[in-house]
């Protein structure tokens, strides 16, 4: 578009699968509803960037559409006043830019154990199936309490408890495994006594 104050863009955030079309002759403001969508930015043709401060939730998918507009003649009156005297905007409803953004949740981690019942003094290893230390950060818990420093996909345990692990993406989206119970039993005590004179 030419660099002037008569032409520009509106940016609409909408849910995936919906398409909200702007209505010619109307001027939409930021925060205004456009069908199922919401106008999140309005710029003149000289501005090429827009910021949406919406706190994008984990697991969400949104579509953004950019519609160009220009002031144009009022065809209903049959006159041609030119863009500076026209009554409203004319939108390019059929030619627009579109981008779908997604903030995915990580998969729920599956935890496995080398043993779930131990004798005192023994240990077991818990691990996450198919770990991905590049995309995810790990944090282990016992009985709902975070275990300090336990941030790898593998954990050595020596205490009874209900263990789980949380994975977190670089965008802050999290998923937590079901709890897995480990029981540590005390060692049996054996008493030996002499019987008779022998």
Protein backbone atom coordinates (compact mmCIF):
# COMPACT_ATOMS: atom_id res chain seq x y z
CA UNK A 1 0.00 0.00 0.00
CA UNK A 2 1.13 3.61 -0.53
CA UNK A 3 2.65 5.33 2.49
CA UNK A 4 -0.16 7.69 3.50
CA UNK A 5 -2.75 8.14 6.26
CA UNK A 6 -5.65 6.84 4.16
CA UNK A 7 -4.69 3.20 3.92
CA UNK A 8 -3.57 0.56 6.35
CA UNK A 9 -4.30 -2.76 8.01
CA UNK A 10 -6.36 -4.28 10.76
CA UNK A 11 -5.20 -7.44 12.53
CA UNK A 12 -7.88 -9.84 13.76
CA UNK A 13 -7.34 -12.71 16.22
CA UNK A 14 -9.85 -15.52 15.81
CA UNK A 15 -10.38 -19.12 16.78
CA UNK A 16 -9.22 -21.77 14.35
CA UNK A 17 -11.96 -22.79 11.93
CA UNK A 18 -13.75 -19.42 12.03
CA UNK A 19 -13.47 -16.53 9.60
CA UNK A 20 -14.71 -13.11 10.56
CA UNK A 21 -14.93 -10.72 7.61
CA UNK A 22 -14.79 -6.92 8.06
CA UNK A 23 -17.71 -4.90 6.77
CA UNK A 24 -17.09 -2.15 4.24
CA UNK A 25 -17.93 1.33 5.46
CA UNK A 26 -17.09 0.50 9.08
CA UNK A 27 -14.08 1.60 11.08
CA UNK A 28 -13.02 -1.00 13.64
CA UNK A 29 -11.14 -0.06 16.79
CA UNK A 30 -8.67 -2.15 18.75
CA UNK A 31 -10.58 -4.37 21.20
CA UNK A 32 -13.72 -4.37 19.06
CA UNK A 33 -15.43 -7.61 18.11
CA UNK A 34 -15.55 -8.60 14.48
CA UNK A 35 -17.81 -11.66 14.34
CA UNK A 36 -16.09 -14.33 16.43
CA UNK A 37 -12.77 -12.48 16.15
CA UNK A 38 -11.24 -9.56 17.98
CA UNK A 39 -9.41 -6.62 16.41
CA UNK A 40 -6.00 -6.61 18.11
CA UNK A 41 -4.20 -3.97 16.04
CA UNK A 42 -4.81 -1.23 13.51
CA UNK A 43 -1.94 0.34 11.62
CA UNK A 44 -1.46 2.79 8.83
CA UNK A 45 0.34 1.64 5.71
CA UNK A 46 3.70 3.02 6.88
CA UNK A 47 3.69 0.76 9.99
CA UNK A 48 4.63 -2.88 9.36
CA UNK A 49 4.42 -4.27 12.91
CA UNK A 50 1.68 -4.89 15.41
CA UNK A 51 1.80 -6.35 18.93
CA UNK A 52 -0.88 -8.50 20.53
CA UNK A 53 -0.47 -8.56 24.32
CA UNK A 54 -2.97 -11.40 24.74
CA UNK A 55 -1.66 -13.95 27.30
CA UNK A 56 -1.65 -16.92 24.93
CA UNK A 57 -2.72 -19.97 27.00
CA UNK A 58 -0.99 -23.32 26.80
CA UNK A 59 -2.76 -25.75 24.49
CA UNK A 60 -4.39 -22.94 22.46
CA UNK A 61 -4.46 -22.46 18.70
CA UNK A 62 -5.36 -19.07 17.27
CA UNK A 63 -5.47 -17.68 13.78
CA UNK A 64 -4.43 -14.12 12.94
CA UNK A 65 -5.68 -12.39 9.77
CA UNK A 66 -4.42 -9.12 8.36
CA UNK A 67 -6.91 -7.20 6.20
CA UNK A 68 -5.85 -4.18 4.16
CA UNK A 69 -8.20 -1.19 4.03
CA UNK A 70 -8.44 2.09 2.16
CA UNK A 71 -10.86 4.97 2.13
CA UNK A 72 -12.90 4.92 -1.06
CA UNK A 73 -15.93 6.31 -2.80
CA UNK A 74 -19.44 5.97 -1.49
CA UNK A 75 -20.93 3.89 -4.30
CA UNK A 76 -24.44 4.10 -2.85
CA UNK A 77 -24.69 7.80 -3.71
CA UNK A 78 -23.20 7.34 -7.15
CA UNK A 79 -20.68 10.10 -6.64
CA UNK A 80 -16.92 9.83 -6.60
CA UNK A 81 -15.61 12.12 -3.84
CA UNK A 82 -12.18 10.49 -3.79
CA UNK A 83 -10.45 8.82 -0.89
CA UNK A 84 -10.14 11.94 1.29
CA UNK A 85 -13.90 12.60 1.36
CA UNK A 86 -15.26 9.04 1.41
CA UNK A 87 -17.50 7.98 4.28
CA UNK A 88 -15.73 4.81 5.34
CA UNK A 89 -13.26 2.11 4.68
CA UNK A 90 -13.19 -0.47 1.95
CA UNK A 91 -11.59 -3.77 3.06
CA UNK A 92 -9.87 -6.43 0.99
CA UNK A 93 -12.09 -9.22 2.33
CA UNK A 94 -10.99 -11.93 -0.09
CA UNK A 95 -7.27 -11.18 -0.21
CA UNK A 96 -5.69 -11.26 3.24
CA UNK A 97 -2.70 -12.69 5.12
CA UNK A 98 -3.27 -15.45 7.62
CA UNK A 99 -1.10 -17.20 10.22
CA UNK A 100 -2.06 -19.90 12.69
CA UNK A 101 -0.20 -19.91 15.99
CA UNK A 102 -0.14 -22.76 18.48
CA UNK A 103 1.25 -23.05 22.00
CA UNK A 104 1.23 -26.82 22.46
CA UNK A 105 1.19 -28.72 25.71
CA UNK A 106 3.96 -31.28 26.17
CA UNK A 107 2.89 -34.93 26.22
CA UNK A 108 2.17 -36.39 29.66
CA UNK A 109 5.37 -38.19 30.69
CA UNK A 110 5.31 -41.91 31.46
CA UNK A 111 7.45 -43.01 34.43
CA UNK A 112 8.91 -46.50 34.84
CA UNK A 113 10.70 -48.08 37.83
CA UNK A 114 13.38 -50.74 38.13
CA UNK A 115 11.57 -51.82 41.34
CA UNK A 116 8.61 -50.56 43.33
CA UNK A 117 9.35 -52.42 46.56
CA UNK A 118 12.76 -52.26 48.22
CA UNK A 119 14.53 -53.32 51.36
CA UNK A 120 16.10 -50.57 53.46
CA UNK A 121 19.52 -49.71 52.07
CA UNK A 122 18.62 -50.66 48.50
CA UNK A 123 17.76 -48.23 45.70
CA UNK A 124 15.57 -48.16 42.62
CA UNK A 125 15.79 -46.13 39.43
CA UNK A 126 12.82 -44.19 38.04
CA UNK A 127 13.01 -42.94 34.48
CA UNK A 128 10.95 -41.17 31.84
CA UNK A 129 10.21 -43.08 28.66
CA UNK A 130 11.65 -41.42 25.53
CA UNK A 131 13.12 -38.33 27.27
CA UNK A 132 13.80 -35.18 25.29
CA UNK A 133 16.22 -32.94 27.19
CA UNK A 134 16.48 -30.52 24.26
CA UNK A 135 12.80 -29.50 24.18
CA UNK A 136 11.81 -30.12 27.82
CA UNK A 137 12.96 -29.39 31.36
CA UNK A 138 12.28 -32.01 34.04
CA UNK A 139 11.45 -31.73 37.74
CA UNK A 140 10.81 -34.66 40.11
CA UNK A 141 8.39 -34.68 43.05
CA UNK A 142 7.88 -36.95 46.08
CA UNK A 143 4.53 -36.85 47.86
CA UNK A 144 3.71 -33.65 45.97
CA UNK A 145 6.85 -31.83 47.13
CA UNK A 146 9.52 -30.72 44.67
CA UNK A 147 12.84 -32.54 45.00
CA UNK A 148 15.57 -29.93 44.83
CA UNK A 149 18.19 -30.48 42.16
CA UNK A 150 16.41 -33.48 40.62
CA UNK A 151 16.00 -32.13 37.09
CA UNK A 152 17.01 -35.00 34.80
CA UNK A 153 14.79 -37.69 33.21
CA UNK A 154 16.27 -40.26 35.66
CA UNK A 155 15.94 -40.44 39.45
CA UNK A 156 17.53 -42.79 42.01
CA UNK A 157 15.21 -43.36 45.00
CA UNK A 158 15.89 -44.86 48.42
CA UNK A 159 12.80 -43.64 50.32
CA UNK A 160 9.14 -44.59 50.32
CA UNK A 161 6.82 -42.17 48.61
CA UNK A 162 4.63 -41.29 45.65
CA UNK A 163 6.89 -40.05 42.87
CA UNK A 164 6.01 -38.02 39.79
CA UNK A 165 7.81 -35.90 37.23
CA UNK A 166 6.83 -32.64 35.53
CA UNK A 167 7.98 -31.66 32.05
CA UNK A 168 8.05 -28.02 30.96
CA UNK A 169 8.55 -26.46 27.54
CA UNK A 170 10.61 -23.35 26.86
CA UNK A 171 7.28 -21.48 26.57
CA UNK A 172 6.31 -22.49 30.12
CA UNK A 173 3.70 -25.13 29.24
CA UNK A 174 3.71 -28.08 31.65
CA UNK A 175 2.47 -31.65 32.00
CA UNK A 176 2.87 -33.98 34.97
CA UNK A 177 3.03 -37.75 35.13
CA UNK A 178 0.72 -39.86 37.27
CA UNK A 179 2.21 -40.71 40.65
CA UNK A 180 4.14 -43.95 41.03
CA UNK A 181 4.44 -45.40 44.55
CA UNK A 182 7.67 -46.87 45.89
CA UNK A 183 7.74 -48.74 49.20
CA UNK A 184 10.89 -49.29 51.26
CA UNK A 185 10.56 -52.09 53.84
CA UNK A 186 12.72 -52.35 56.97
CA UNK A 187 15.21 -55.17 57.09
CA UNK A 188 13.94 -58.19 59.03
CA UNK A 189 15.43 -58.76 62.46
CA UNK A 190 16.56 -62.27 63.40
CA UNK A 191 17.16 -63.28 67.00
CA UNK A 192 19.43 -66.24 67.71
CA UNK A 193 19.31 -67.92 71.10
CA UNK A 194 21.11 -70.96 72.49
CA UNK A 195 18.97 -73.98 73.25
CA UNK A 196 20.27 -76.12 76.08
CA UNK A 197 23.97 -76.74 76.90
CA UNK A 198 25.24 -76.85 73.34
